N, C-alpha and C. Protein backbone atom coordinates (compact mmCIF):
# COMPACT_ATOMS: atom_id res chain seq x y z
N MET A 1 -30.17 37.07 -51.89
CA MET A 1 -31.28 36.26 -51.03
C MET A 1 -31.44 34.86 -51.47
N THR A 2 -31.44 33.76 -50.54
CA THR A 2 -31.95 32.71 -51.07
C THR A 2 -32.99 31.97 -50.57
N VAL A 3 -33.44 31.10 -51.12
CA VAL A 3 -34.50 30.42 -50.70
C VAL A 3 -34.85 30.21 -49.04
N ALA A 4 -34.04 29.47 -48.82
CA ALA A 4 -33.73 29.71 -47.13
C ALA A 4 -33.74 30.97 -46.53
N ASP A 5 -33.36 31.76 -47.05
CA ASP A 5 -33.50 33.07 -46.21
C ASP A 5 -34.86 33.66 -46.45
N LEU A 6 -35.43 33.50 -47.71
CA LEU A 6 -36.82 34.06 -47.75
C LEU A 6 -37.90 33.38 -47.04
N ILE A 7 -37.65 31.98 -47.14
CA ILE A 7 -38.42 31.44 -46.21
C ILE A 7 -38.51 31.44 -44.58
N ASP A 8 -37.44 31.64 -44.23
CA ASP A 8 -36.94 32.49 -42.80
C ASP A 8 -37.46 33.65 -42.64
N ALA A 9 -37.50 34.39 -43.45
CA ALA A 9 -38.36 36.00 -43.11
C ALA A 9 -39.45 35.86 -43.35
N LEU A 10 -40.06 35.12 -44.08
CA LEU A 10 -41.86 34.78 -44.13
C LEU A 10 -42.20 33.95 -42.85
N GLY A 11 -41.21 33.42 -42.61
CA GLY A 11 -41.72 32.10 -41.13
C GLY A 11 -42.61 33.14 -39.99
N ARG A 12 -42.15 34.39 -39.90
CA ARG A 12 -42.32 35.19 -38.62
C ARG A 12 -43.85 35.67 -39.04
N PHE A 13 -44.54 35.73 -40.11
CA PHE A 13 -45.98 36.14 -40.44
C PHE A 13 -46.73 34.80 -40.38
N ASP A 14 -48.15 35.47 -40.27
CA ASP A 14 -49.36 34.67 -40.45
C ASP A 14 -49.22 33.97 -41.72
N PRO A 15 -49.26 32.59 -41.97
CA PRO A 15 -49.30 32.22 -43.23
C PRO A 15 -50.70 32.53 -44.12
N ARG A 16 -51.76 33.06 -43.42
CA ARG A 16 -52.55 33.24 -44.44
C ARG A 16 -52.80 34.63 -44.74
N MET A 17 -51.76 35.44 -44.45
CA MET A 17 -51.85 36.84 -44.89
C MET A 17 -51.33 36.71 -46.44
N GLU A 18 -51.86 37.97 -47.11
CA GLU A 18 -51.44 38.00 -48.39
C GLU A 18 -50.24 38.61 -48.70
N VAL A 19 -49.32 38.40 -49.53
CA VAL A 19 -48.01 38.99 -49.91
C VAL A 19 -47.94 39.80 -51.15
N ARG A 20 -47.44 40.74 -50.93
CA ARG A 20 -47.54 42.08 -52.04
C ARG A 20 -45.80 42.24 -52.12
N LEU A 21 -45.52 42.73 -53.46
CA LEU A 21 -44.02 42.91 -53.71
C LEU A 21 -43.96 44.49 -53.82
N ALA A 22 -43.23 45.04 -53.32
CA ALA A 22 -43.17 46.96 -53.15
C ALA A 22 -41.65 46.65 -54.16
N THR A 23 -41.80 48.06 -54.76
CA THR A 23 -40.84 48.27 -55.59
C THR A 23 -40.67 49.80 -55.79
N GLN A 24 -39.71 50.06 -56.40
CA GLN A 24 -39.25 51.73 -56.56
C GLN A 24 -39.28 52.35 -55.33
N PRO A 25 -38.15 52.36 -54.73
CA PRO A 25 -37.99 53.39 -53.48
C PRO A 25 -38.65 54.76 -53.71
N ARG A 26 -38.22 55.26 -54.47
CA ARG A 26 -38.77 56.96 -54.43
C ARG A 26 -40.21 56.97 -54.73
N LEU A 27 -41.00 56.12 -55.30
CA LEU A 27 -42.57 56.35 -55.17
C LEU A 27 -42.66 54.88 -55.43
N PRO A 28 -42.83 54.00 -53.79
CA PRO A 28 -43.16 53.04 -53.76
C PRO A 28 -44.57 52.22 -54.38
N GLN A 29 -44.49 51.20 -55.14
CA GLN A 29 -45.36 50.77 -56.07
C GLN A 29 -46.00 49.51 -55.43
N GLU A 30 -47.20 49.12 -55.40
CA GLU A 30 -47.42 47.63 -54.69
C GLU A 30 -47.67 46.54 -55.80
N HIS A 31 -47.49 45.52 -56.26
CA HIS A 31 -47.49 44.83 -57.11
C HIS A 31 -48.01 43.08 -56.47
N THR A 32 -49.03 42.82 -57.29
CA THR A 32 -49.42 41.20 -56.52
C THR A 32 -48.27 40.38 -57.28
N ILE A 33 -48.35 39.28 -56.50
CA ILE A 33 -47.28 38.05 -57.03
C ILE A 33 -48.01 37.33 -57.85
N GLY A 34 -47.29 36.97 -59.05
CA GLY A 34 -47.76 36.13 -60.01
C GLY A 34 -47.20 34.80 -59.45
N GLY A 35 -46.45 34.01 -60.93
CA GLY A 35 -45.99 32.92 -60.73
C GLY A 35 -44.48 32.69 -60.13
N VAL A 36 -44.26 31.49 -59.76
CA VAL A 36 -42.95 31.08 -59.18
C VAL A 36 -42.50 30.31 -60.00
N THR A 37 -40.74 30.18 -60.27
CA THR A 37 -40.50 29.38 -61.21
C THR A 37 -39.04 29.53 -60.99
N GLU A 38 -38.46 28.23 -61.82
CA GLU A 38 -36.92 28.13 -61.92
C GLU A 38 -36.45 28.42 -63.02
N ALA A 39 -35.38 28.96 -63.36
CA ALA A 39 -34.69 29.54 -64.65
C ALA A 39 -33.27 29.55 -64.37
N ASP A 40 -32.16 29.29 -65.06
CA ASP A 40 -31.02 29.43 -64.80
C ASP A 40 -30.29 29.40 -63.31
N GLY A 41 -30.61 28.07 -62.76
CA GLY A 41 -30.43 27.86 -61.22
C GLY A 41 -30.82 29.16 -60.28
N MET A 42 -31.88 29.77 -60.66
CA MET A 42 -32.41 30.71 -59.48
C MET A 42 -33.99 30.48 -59.98
N VAL A 43 -34.49 30.92 -58.55
CA VAL A 43 -35.75 31.03 -58.06
C VAL A 43 -36.28 32.32 -58.77
N TRP A 44 -37.35 32.45 -59.34
CA TRP A 44 -37.95 33.78 -60.05
C TRP A 44 -39.28 34.14 -59.51
N ILE A 45 -39.63 35.05 -59.04
CA ILE A 45 -41.20 35.65 -58.39
C ILE A 45 -41.71 36.43 -59.57
N GLY A 46 -42.74 36.41 -60.26
CA GLY A 46 -43.19 37.11 -61.20
C GLY A 46 -44.15 38.06 -60.74
N GLU A 47 -44.38 38.91 -61.31
CA GLU A 47 -45.48 40.28 -60.80
C GLU A 47 -46.78 39.88 -61.55
N ALA A 48 -47.76 39.90 -60.73
CA ALA A 48 -48.99 39.85 -61.63
C ALA A 48 -49.75 41.06 -62.17
N ARG A 49 -49.71 41.96 -61.26
CA ARG A 49 -50.01 43.10 -61.59
C ARG A 49 -50.13 44.34 -60.79
N GLN A 50 -49.78 45.83 -61.21
CA GLN A 50 -49.72 46.77 -60.11
C GLN A 50 -51.00 47.22 -59.67
N ARG A 51 -51.10 47.08 -58.40
CA ARG A 51 -52.05 47.47 -57.65
C ARG A 51 -52.25 49.22 -57.29
N GLY A 52 -51.27 49.87 -57.72
CA GLY A 52 -51.14 51.50 -57.04
C GLY A 52 -49.90 51.51 -56.62
N TYR A 53 -49.81 52.52 -55.68
CA TYR A 53 -48.69 53.07 -54.36
C TYR A 53 -48.83 52.08 -53.34
N ALA A 54 -47.64 51.79 -52.73
CA ALA A 54 -47.73 51.29 -51.64
C ALA A 54 -47.94 52.66 -50.48
N PRO A 55 -48.21 51.88 -49.49
CA PRO A 55 -48.73 52.89 -48.35
C PRO A 55 -47.38 53.60 -47.79
N ASP A 56 -46.88 54.88 -47.12
CA ASP A 56 -45.95 55.26 -46.56
C ASP A 56 -45.30 54.23 -45.72
N GLU A 57 -45.89 53.79 -44.83
CA GLU A 57 -45.44 53.05 -43.95
C GLU A 57 -44.59 51.67 -44.60
N VAL A 58 -44.86 51.43 -45.43
CA VAL A 58 -43.93 50.45 -46.26
C VAL A 58 -42.70 50.77 -46.71
N ALA A 59 -42.73 52.02 -47.16
CA ALA A 59 -41.14 52.64 -47.46
C ALA A 59 -40.64 52.78 -46.12
N GLU A 60 -41.15 53.41 -45.15
CA GLU A 60 -40.47 53.21 -44.03
C GLU A 60 -39.86 52.09 -43.36
N ARG A 61 -40.81 51.14 -43.55
CA ARG A 61 -40.20 49.97 -42.72
C ARG A 61 -39.26 49.08 -43.37
N MET A 62 -39.12 49.53 -44.91
CA MET A 62 -38.04 48.75 -45.73
C MET A 62 -36.60 49.51 -45.77
N GLY A 63 -36.61 50.70 -45.08
CA GLY A 63 -35.96 51.84 -44.73
C GLY A 63 -35.34 52.51 -46.28
N TRP A 64 -36.42 52.57 -47.04
CA TRP A 64 -36.30 53.69 -48.18
C TRP A 64 -36.44 55.14 -47.78
N ARG A 65 -36.88 55.43 -46.44
CA ARG A 65 -37.26 56.86 -46.19
C ARG A 65 -36.79 56.96 -44.48
């Protein structure tokens, strides 16, 4: 995914909505977003902290289930 792809994907949402990162398809976890930086020619999005498990709906909409 490129920066342009990410901007395009996020463009359909209300810009006031909070953003979370879902990881681990088998037991989806919810993480808050930390810093965003550039290194090695890529943009990196850091995790701030884990908030718990993501709702089942997240896994379904991600195509993980």
